C-alpha atoms as a PDB file:
ATOM      1  CA  SER A   1     114.403  93.018  58.181  1.00  0.00           C
ATOM      2  CA  MET A   2     118.156  93.279  57.534  1.00  0.00           C
ATOM      3  CA  LEU A   3     117.467  93.999  53.847  1.00  0.00           C
ATOM      4  CA  ALA A   4     115.075  96.796  54.803  1.00  0.00           C
ATOM      5  CA  LEU A   5     117.715  98.218  57.124  1.00  0.00           C
ATOM      6  CA  VAL A   6     120.385  98.087  54.452  1.00  0.00           C
ATOM      7  CA  SER A   7     118.233  99.631  51.774  1.00  0.00           C
ATOM      8  CA  GLY A   8     116.101 102.103  53.662  1.00  0.00           C
ATOM      9  CA  CYS A   9     117.714 103.795  56.621  1.00  0.00           C
ATOM     10  CA  VAL A  10     120.111 106.176  54.920  1.00  0.00           C
ATOM     11  CA  THR A  11     119.052 108.869  52.482  1.00  0.00           C
ATOM     12  CA  THR A  12     120.767 109.136  49.116  1.00  0.00           C
ATOM     13  CA  ALA A  13     122.407 112.407  50.188  1.00  0.00           C
ATOM     14  CA  GLU A  14     123.973 110.767  53.239  1.00  0.00           C
ATOM     15  CA  ARG A  15     125.064 107.562  51.555  1.00  0.00           C
ATOM     16  CA  GLU A  16     128.790 107.291  51.000  1.00  0.00           C
ATOM     17  CA  ALA A  17     128.867 103.688  49.835  1.00  0.00           C
ATOM     18  CA  ALA A  18     126.620 100.693  49.409  1.00  0.00           C
ATOM     19  CA  VAL A  19     127.550  98.147  52.054  1.00  0.00           C
ATOM     20  CA  PRO A  20     127.099  94.431  51.320  1.00  0.00           C
ATOM     21  CA  PRO A  21     124.522  92.800  53.629  1.00  0.00           C
ATOM     22  CA  GLN A  22     127.009  90.247  55.003  1.00  0.00           C
ATOM     23  CA  ILE A  23     129.308  93.084  56.166  1.00  0.00           C
ATOM     24  CA  VAL A  24     126.354  94.921  57.710  1.00  0.00           C
ATOM     25  CA  HIS A  25     125.247  91.770  59.533  1.00  0.00           C
ATOM     26  CA  ALA A  26     128.735  91.102  60.930  1.00  0.00           C
ATOM     27  CA  TYR A  27     129.205  94.742  61.959  1.00  0.00           C
ATOM     28  CA  LEU A  28     125.866  94.954  63.769  1.00  0.00           C
ATOM     29  CA  ALA A  29     126.110  91.548  65.488  1.00  0.00           C
ATOM     30  CA  ASP A  30     127.472  92.891  68.796  1.00  0.00           C
ATOM     31  CA  LYS A  31     125.742  96.280  68.702  1.00  0.00           C
ATOM     32  CA  PRO A  32     122.598  97.207  70.678  1.00  0.00           C
ATOM     33  CA  GLU A  33     119.576  96.379  68.546  1.00  0.00           C
ATOM     34  CA  ASP A  34     117.922  99.715  69.357  1.00  0.00           C
ATOM     35  CA  LEU A  35     120.859 101.465  67.684  1.00  0.00           C
ATOM     36  CA  HIS A  36     121.301  99.252  64.606  1.00  0.00           C
ATOM     37  CA  GLN A  37     119.991 101.927  62.261  1.00  0.00           C
ATOM     38  CA  HIS A  38     122.445 104.485  63.647  1.00  0.00           C
ATOM     39  CA  PHE A  39     125.387 102.090  63.516  1.00  0.00           C
ATOM     40  CA  TYR A  40     124.453 101.311  59.927  1.00  0.00           C
ATOM     41  CA  VAL A  41     124.580 105.032  59.086  1.00  0.00           C
ATOM     42  CA  THR A  42     128.099 105.126  60.532  1.00  0.00           C
ATOM     43  CA  LEU A  43     129.112 102.180  58.396  1.00  0.00           C
ATOM     44  CA  ALA A  44     127.512 103.562  55.223  1.00  0.00           C
ATOM     45  CA  GLN A  45     128.900 107.081  55.626  1.00  0.00           C
ATOM     46  CA  GLY A  46     132.433 105.863  56.235  1.00  0.00           C
ATOM     47  CA  ASN A  47     135.179 108.291  57.194  1.00  0.00           C
ATOM     48  CA  ARG A  48     133.365 111.465  56.149  1.00  0.00           C
ATOM     49  CA  ASN A  49     131.145 111.608  59.254  1.00  0.00           C
ATOM     50  CA  LYS A  50     132.813 108.891  61.309  1.00  0.00           C
ATOM     51  CA  VAL A  51     133.850 111.131  64.208  1.00  0.00           C
ATOM     52  CA  LEU A  52     130.435 112.766  64.482  1.00  0.00           C
ATOM     53  CA  ASN A  53     128.654 109.415  64.251  1.00  0.00           C
ATOM     54  CA  GLU A  54     130.974 107.808  66.813  1.00  0.00           C
ATOM     55  CA  MET A  55     130.450 110.685  69.231  1.00  0.00           C
ATOM     56  CA  ARG A  56     126.658 110.389  68.868  1.00  0.00           C
ATOM     57  CA  LEU A  57     126.771 106.627  69.313  1.00  0.00           C
ATOM     58  CA  GLY A  58     129.235 106.951  72.180  1.00  0.00           C
ATOM     59  CA  LEU A  59     126.744 109.108  74.054  1.00  0.00           C
ATOM     60  CA  ALA A  60     123.803 106.855  73.165  1.00  0.00           C
ATOM     61  CA  THR A  61     125.623 103.728  74.350  1.00  0.00           C
ATOM     62  CA  LEU A  62     126.776 105.539  77.508  1.00  0.00           C
ATOM     63  CA  GLU A  63     123.150 106.379  78.286  1.00  0.00           C
ATOM     64  CA  MET A  64     122.236 102.712  77.720  1.00  0.00           C
ATOM     65  CA  GLY A  65     124.891 101.538  80.167  1.00  0.00           C
ATOM     66  CA  ARG A  66     126.978  99.915  77.425  1.00  0.00           C
ATOM     67  CA  PHE A  67     130.147 101.407  78.906  1.00  0.00           C
ATOM     68  CA  GLU A  68     132.767  99.307  77.106  1.00  0.00           C
ATOM     69  CA  LEU A  69     131.223 100.009  73.713  1.00  0.00           C
ATOM     70  CA  SER A  70     130.898 103.694  74.563  1.00  0.00           C
ATOM     71  CA  GLU A  71     134.539 103.763  75.620  1.00  0.00           C
ATOM     72  CA  ASP A  72     135.612 102.183  72.319  1.00  0.00           C
ATOM     73  CA  LEU A  73     133.561 104.662  70.292  1.00  0.00           C
ATOM     74  CA  PHE A  74     134.931 107.708  72.105  1.00  0.00           C
ATOM     75  CA  GLU A  75     138.490 106.338  71.969  1.00  0.00           C
ATOM     76  CA  ASP A  76     138.292 105.946  68.198  1.00  0.00           C
ATOM     77  CA  ALA A  77     136.729 109.392  67.733  1.00  0.00           C
ATOM     78  CA  LEU A  78     139.422 110.999  69.901  1.00  0.00           C
ATOM     79  CA  LEU A  79     142.238 109.276  68.026  1.00  0.00           C
ATOM     80  CA  GLN A  80     140.928 110.795  64.819  1.00  0.00           C
ATOM     81  CA  ILE A  81     140.401 114.208  66.421  1.00  0.00           C
ATOM     82  CA  GLU A  82     143.939 114.230  67.800  1.00  0.00           C
ATOM     83  CA  ALA A  83     145.406 113.445  64.387  1.00  0.00           C
ATOM     84  CA  ILE A  84     144.329 116.960  63.373  1.00  0.00           C
ATOM     85  CA  TYR A  85     143.655 118.884  66.577  1.00  0.00           C
ATOM     86  CA  ALA A  86     146.303 117.809  69.072  1.00  0.00           C
ATOM     87  CA  ASP A  87     148.511 120.524  70.543  1.00  0.00           C
ATOM     88  CA  ASN A  88     151.721 119.388  68.843  1.00  0.00           C
ATOM     89  CA  GLU A  89     153.751 120.022  65.694  1.00  0.00           C
ATOM     90  CA  GLN A  90     152.621 116.838  63.931  1.00  0.00           C
ATOM     91  CA  ALA A  91     148.944 117.820  64.215  1.00  0.00           C
ATOM     92  CA  LYS A  92     149.720 121.421  63.263  1.00  0.00           C
ATOM     93  CA  SER A  93     151.421 120.123  60.133  1.00  0.00           C
ATOM     94  CA  ALA A  94     148.419 117.873  59.380  1.00  0.00           C
ATOM     95  CA  ARG A  95     146.054 120.853  59.744  1.00  0.00           C
ATOM     96  CA  GLY A  96     148.155 122.677  57.176  1.00  0.00           C
ATOM     97  CA  LEU A  97     147.735 119.839  54.682  1.00  0.00           C
ATOM     98  CA  PHE A  98     143.929 119.885  54.731  1.00  0.00           C
ATOM     99  CA  VAL A  99     141.651 122.507  53.321  1.00  0.00           C
ATOM    100  CA  LYS A 100     139.338 124.021  55.920  1.00  0.00           C
ATOM    101  CA  GLU A 101     136.241 122.182  54.644  1.00  0.00           C
ATOM    102  CA  LEU A 102     137.910 118.780  54.855  1.00  0.00           C
ATOM    103  CA  VAL A 103     139.136 119.385  58.403  1.00  0.00           C
ATOM    104  CA  LYS A 104     135.638 120.478  59.441  1.00  0.00           C
ATOM    105  CA  ASP A 105     134.086 117.353  57.915  1.00  0.00           C
ATOM    106  CA  PHE A 106     136.766 115.318  59.456  1.00  0.00           C
ATOM    107  CA  LYS A 107     136.540 116.259  63.107  1.00  0.00           C
ATOM    108  CA  GLY A 108     133.655 118.550  64.130  1.00  0.00           C
ATOM    109  CA  GLU A 109     133.299 121.922  65.776  1.00  0.00           C
ATOM    110  CA  PRO A 110     135.403 122.867  68.824  1.00  0.00           C
ATOM    111  CA  TYR A 111     132.529 122.428  71.296  1.00  0.00           C
ATOM    112  CA  GLU A 112     131.798 118.968  69.846  1.00  0.00           C
ATOM    113  CA  ARG A 113     135.423 117.953  70.289  1.00  0.00           C
ATOM    114  CA  VAL A 114     135.368 119.284  73.864  1.00  0.00           C
ATOM    115  CA  MET A 115     132.326 117.166  74.663  1.00  0.00           C
ATOM    116  CA  ALA A 116     133.983 114.028  73.278  1.00  0.00           C
ATOM    117  CA  TYR A 117     136.719 114.533  75.877  1.00  0.00           C
ATOM    118  CA  PHE A 118     134.117 115.272  78.545  1.00  0.00           C
ATOM    119  CA  TYR A 119     132.250 112.000  78.002  1.00  0.00           C
ATOM    120  CA  ARG A 120     135.491 110.048  77.710  1.00  0.00           C
ATOM    121  CA  GLY A 121     136.556 111.618  81.004  1.00  0.00           C
ATOM    122  CA  LEU A 122     133.291 110.543  82.631  1.00  0.00           C
ATOM    123  CA  ILE A 123     133.961 106.960  81.579  1.00  0.00           C
ATOM    124  CA  TYR A 124     137.454 107.158  83.078  1.00  0.00           C
ATOM    125  CA  MET A 125     135.892 108.531  86.285  1.00  0.00           C
ATOM    126  CA  ARG A 126     133.413 105.652  86.345  1.00  0.00           C
ATOM    127  CA  ASN A 127     136.337 103.227  86.005  1.00  0.00           C
ATOM    128  CA  GLY A 128     138.178 104.885  88.913  1.00  0.00           C
ATOM    129  CA  GLU A 129     140.932 106.180  86.606  1.00  0.00           C
ATOM    130  CA  TYR A 130     140.909 109.690  88.067  1.00  0.00           C
ATOM    131  CA  ASP A 131     144.283 110.917  86.822  1.00  0.00           C
ATOM    132  CA  THR A 132     143.454 109.806  83.294  1.00  0.00           C
ATOM    133  CA  ALA A 133     140.024 111.406  83.603  1.00  0.00           C
ATOM    134  CA  ARG A 134     141.674 114.677  84.609  1.00  0.00           C
ATOM    135  CA  ALA A 135     143.926 114.441  81.545  1.00  0.00           C
ATOM    136  CA  SER A 136     140.857 113.906  79.352  1.00  0.00           C
ATOM    137  CA  PHE A 137     139.140 116.992  80.802  1.00  0.00           C
ATOM    138  CA  LEU A 138     142.359 118.965  80.335  1.00  0.00           C
ATOM    139  CA  ASN A 139     142.572 117.840  76.703  1.00  0.00           C
ATOM    140  CA  GLY A 140     138.984 118.994  76.254  1.00  0.00           C
ATOM    141  CA  MET A 141     139.987 122.426  77.515  1.00  0.00           C
ATOM    142  CA  LEU A 142     142.843 122.420  74.992  1.00  0.00           C
ATOM    143  CA  GLN A 143     140.323 121.731  72.217  1.00  0.00           C
ATOM    144  CA  ASP A 144     138.376 124.751  73.405  1.00  0.00           C
ATOM    145  CA  GLN A 145     141.556 126.822  73.150  1.00  0.00           C
ATOM    146  CA  LEU A 146     141.884 125.763  69.508  1.00  0.00           C
ATOM    147  CA  ALA A 147     138.548 127.436  68.701  1.00  0.00           C
ATOM    148  CA  GLU A 148     138.912 129.728  65.726  1.00  0.00           C
ATOM    149  CA  GLU A 149     136.798 132.537  67.136  1.00  0.00           C
ATOM    150  CA  ASP A 150     138.479 134.388  69.998  1.00  0.00           C
ATOM    151  CA  GLN A 151     135.257 134.812  71.975  1.00  0.00           C
ATOM    152  CA  ASN A 152     134.899 131.022  72.221  1.00  0.00           C
ATOM    153  CA  GLN A 153     138.411 130.203  73.369  1.00  0.00           C
ATOM    154  CA  ALA A 154     139.263 128.659  76.738  1.00  0.00           C
ATOM    155  CA  ASP A 155     135.946 129.454  78.401  1.00  0.00           C
ATOM    156  CA  PHE A 156     134.513 125.973  78.881  1.00  0.00           C
ATOM    157  CA  ALA A 157     134.308 126.145  82.682  1.00  0.00           C
ATOM    158  CA  LEU A 158     132.841 122.640  83.017  1.00  0.00           C
ATOM    159  CA  MET A 159     136.164 121.131  81.969  1.00  0.00           C
ATOM    160  CA  ALA A 160     138.116 123.018  84.654  1.00  0.00           C
ATOM    161  CA  TYR A 161     135.499 122.002  87.235  1.00  0.00           C
ATOM    162  CA  MET A 162     135.786 118.346  86.229  1.00  0.00           C
ATOM    163  CA  GLN A 163     139.592 118.535  86.364  1.00  0.00           C
ATOM    164  CA  GLY A 164     139.234 119.659  89.975  1.00  0.00           C
ATOM    165  CA  TRP A 165     136.743 116.931  90.773  1.00  0.00           C
ATOM    166  CA  ALA A 166     138.988 114.263  89.216  1.00  0.00           C
ATOM    167  CA  SER A 167     141.959 115.569  91.242  1.00  0.00           C
ATOM    168  CA  HIS A 168     139.799 115.496  94.390  1.00  0.00           C
ATOM    169  CA  CYS A 169     138.753 111.894  93.670  1.00  0.00           C
ATOM    170  CA  ALA A 170     142.418 110.983  93.088  1.00  0.00           C
ATOM    171  CA  ALA A 171     143.150 112.268  96.627  1.00  0.00           C
ATOM    172  CA  ASN A 172     145.313 115.113  95.322  1.00  0.00           C
ATOM    173  CA  PRO A 173     144.026 118.178  97.190  1.00  0.00           C
ATOM    174  CA  ALA A 174     146.841 120.479  96.008  1.00  0.00           C
ATOM    175  CA  LEU A 175     146.063 119.762  92.361  1.00  0.00           C
ATOM    176  CA  ALA A 176     142.316 120.004  93.008  1.00  0.00           C
ATOM    177  CA  LYS A 177     142.854 123.442  94.568  1.00  0.00           C
ATOM    178  CA  MET A 178     144.802 124.585  91.512  1.00  0.00           C
ATOM    179  CA  ASP A 179     142.123 123.220  89.160  1.00  0.00           C
ATOM    180  CA  TYR A 180     139.346 124.929  91.104  1.00  0.00           C
ATOM    181  CA  GLU A 181     141.308 128.198  91.006  1.00  0.00           C
ATOM    182  CA  ASP A 182     141.354 127.891  87.209  1.00  0.00           C
ATOM    183  CA  PHE A 183     137.630 127.208  87.319  1.00  0.00           C
ATOM    184  CA  ARG A 184     137.039 130.332  89.431  1.00  0.00           C
ATOM    185  CA  LYS A 185     138.805 132.424  86.760  1.00  0.00           C
ATOM    186  CA  LEU A 186     136.047 131.359  84.383  1.00  0.00           C
ATOM    187  CA  THR A 187     133.002 131.632  86.649  1.00  0.00           C
ATOM    188  CA  MET A 188     132.115 132.634  90.190  1.00  0.00           C
ATOM    189  CA  SER A 189     128.476 131.578  90.081  1.00  0.00           C
ATOM    190  CA  VAL A 190     128.823 127.801  90.595  1.00  0.00           C
ATOM    191  CA  PRO A 191     129.594 126.510  94.100  1.00  0.00           C
ATOM    192  CA  LEU A 192     132.584 124.253  94.598  1.00  0.00           C
ATOM    193  CA  PRO A 193     132.033 120.817  96.149  1.00  0.00           C
ATOM    194  CA  ALA A 194     132.446 120.568  99.920  1.00  0.00           C
ATOM    195  CA  ASP A 195     135.532 118.861 101.358  1.00  0.00           C
END
């Protein structure tokens, strides 16, 4: 069955490299069996679609309750995203070195990057790391601000809401109030949580 997996699960168009069966076997050994085909695609496609594949697998493993694996997948995806899309001079310089197509391949659309921070933030929340979760939601909002089209910039209200919720859970009512005020600037239609 491993040979069938290696030879049959990735189309020729998607294939970046042939992967020796012993490497495939070692790579898949600690991965959920239901997701072996998808992890193999990640391995075969290499860096070209790594961030996208890790985000997809991060969500799939989160839904399966494989929280540590999900955390690792999102962490790796976010490290690669931040190499190009962080809000600092080093990332700005890196963006200047890549042609637009390569950067797009490399790290995804703004809303996809936002959601990587959202899911990573949820894992921090689950672990009781509320301040770090808030920082993750804030970084997601920063990704939204980096959107190339003005109409899509800084309007991802969910991130502001989650910042407020993380501050609330961290027992920081002053910060939660500020976060919810930012949320209210984006939408009035969603009720805030009760005290």
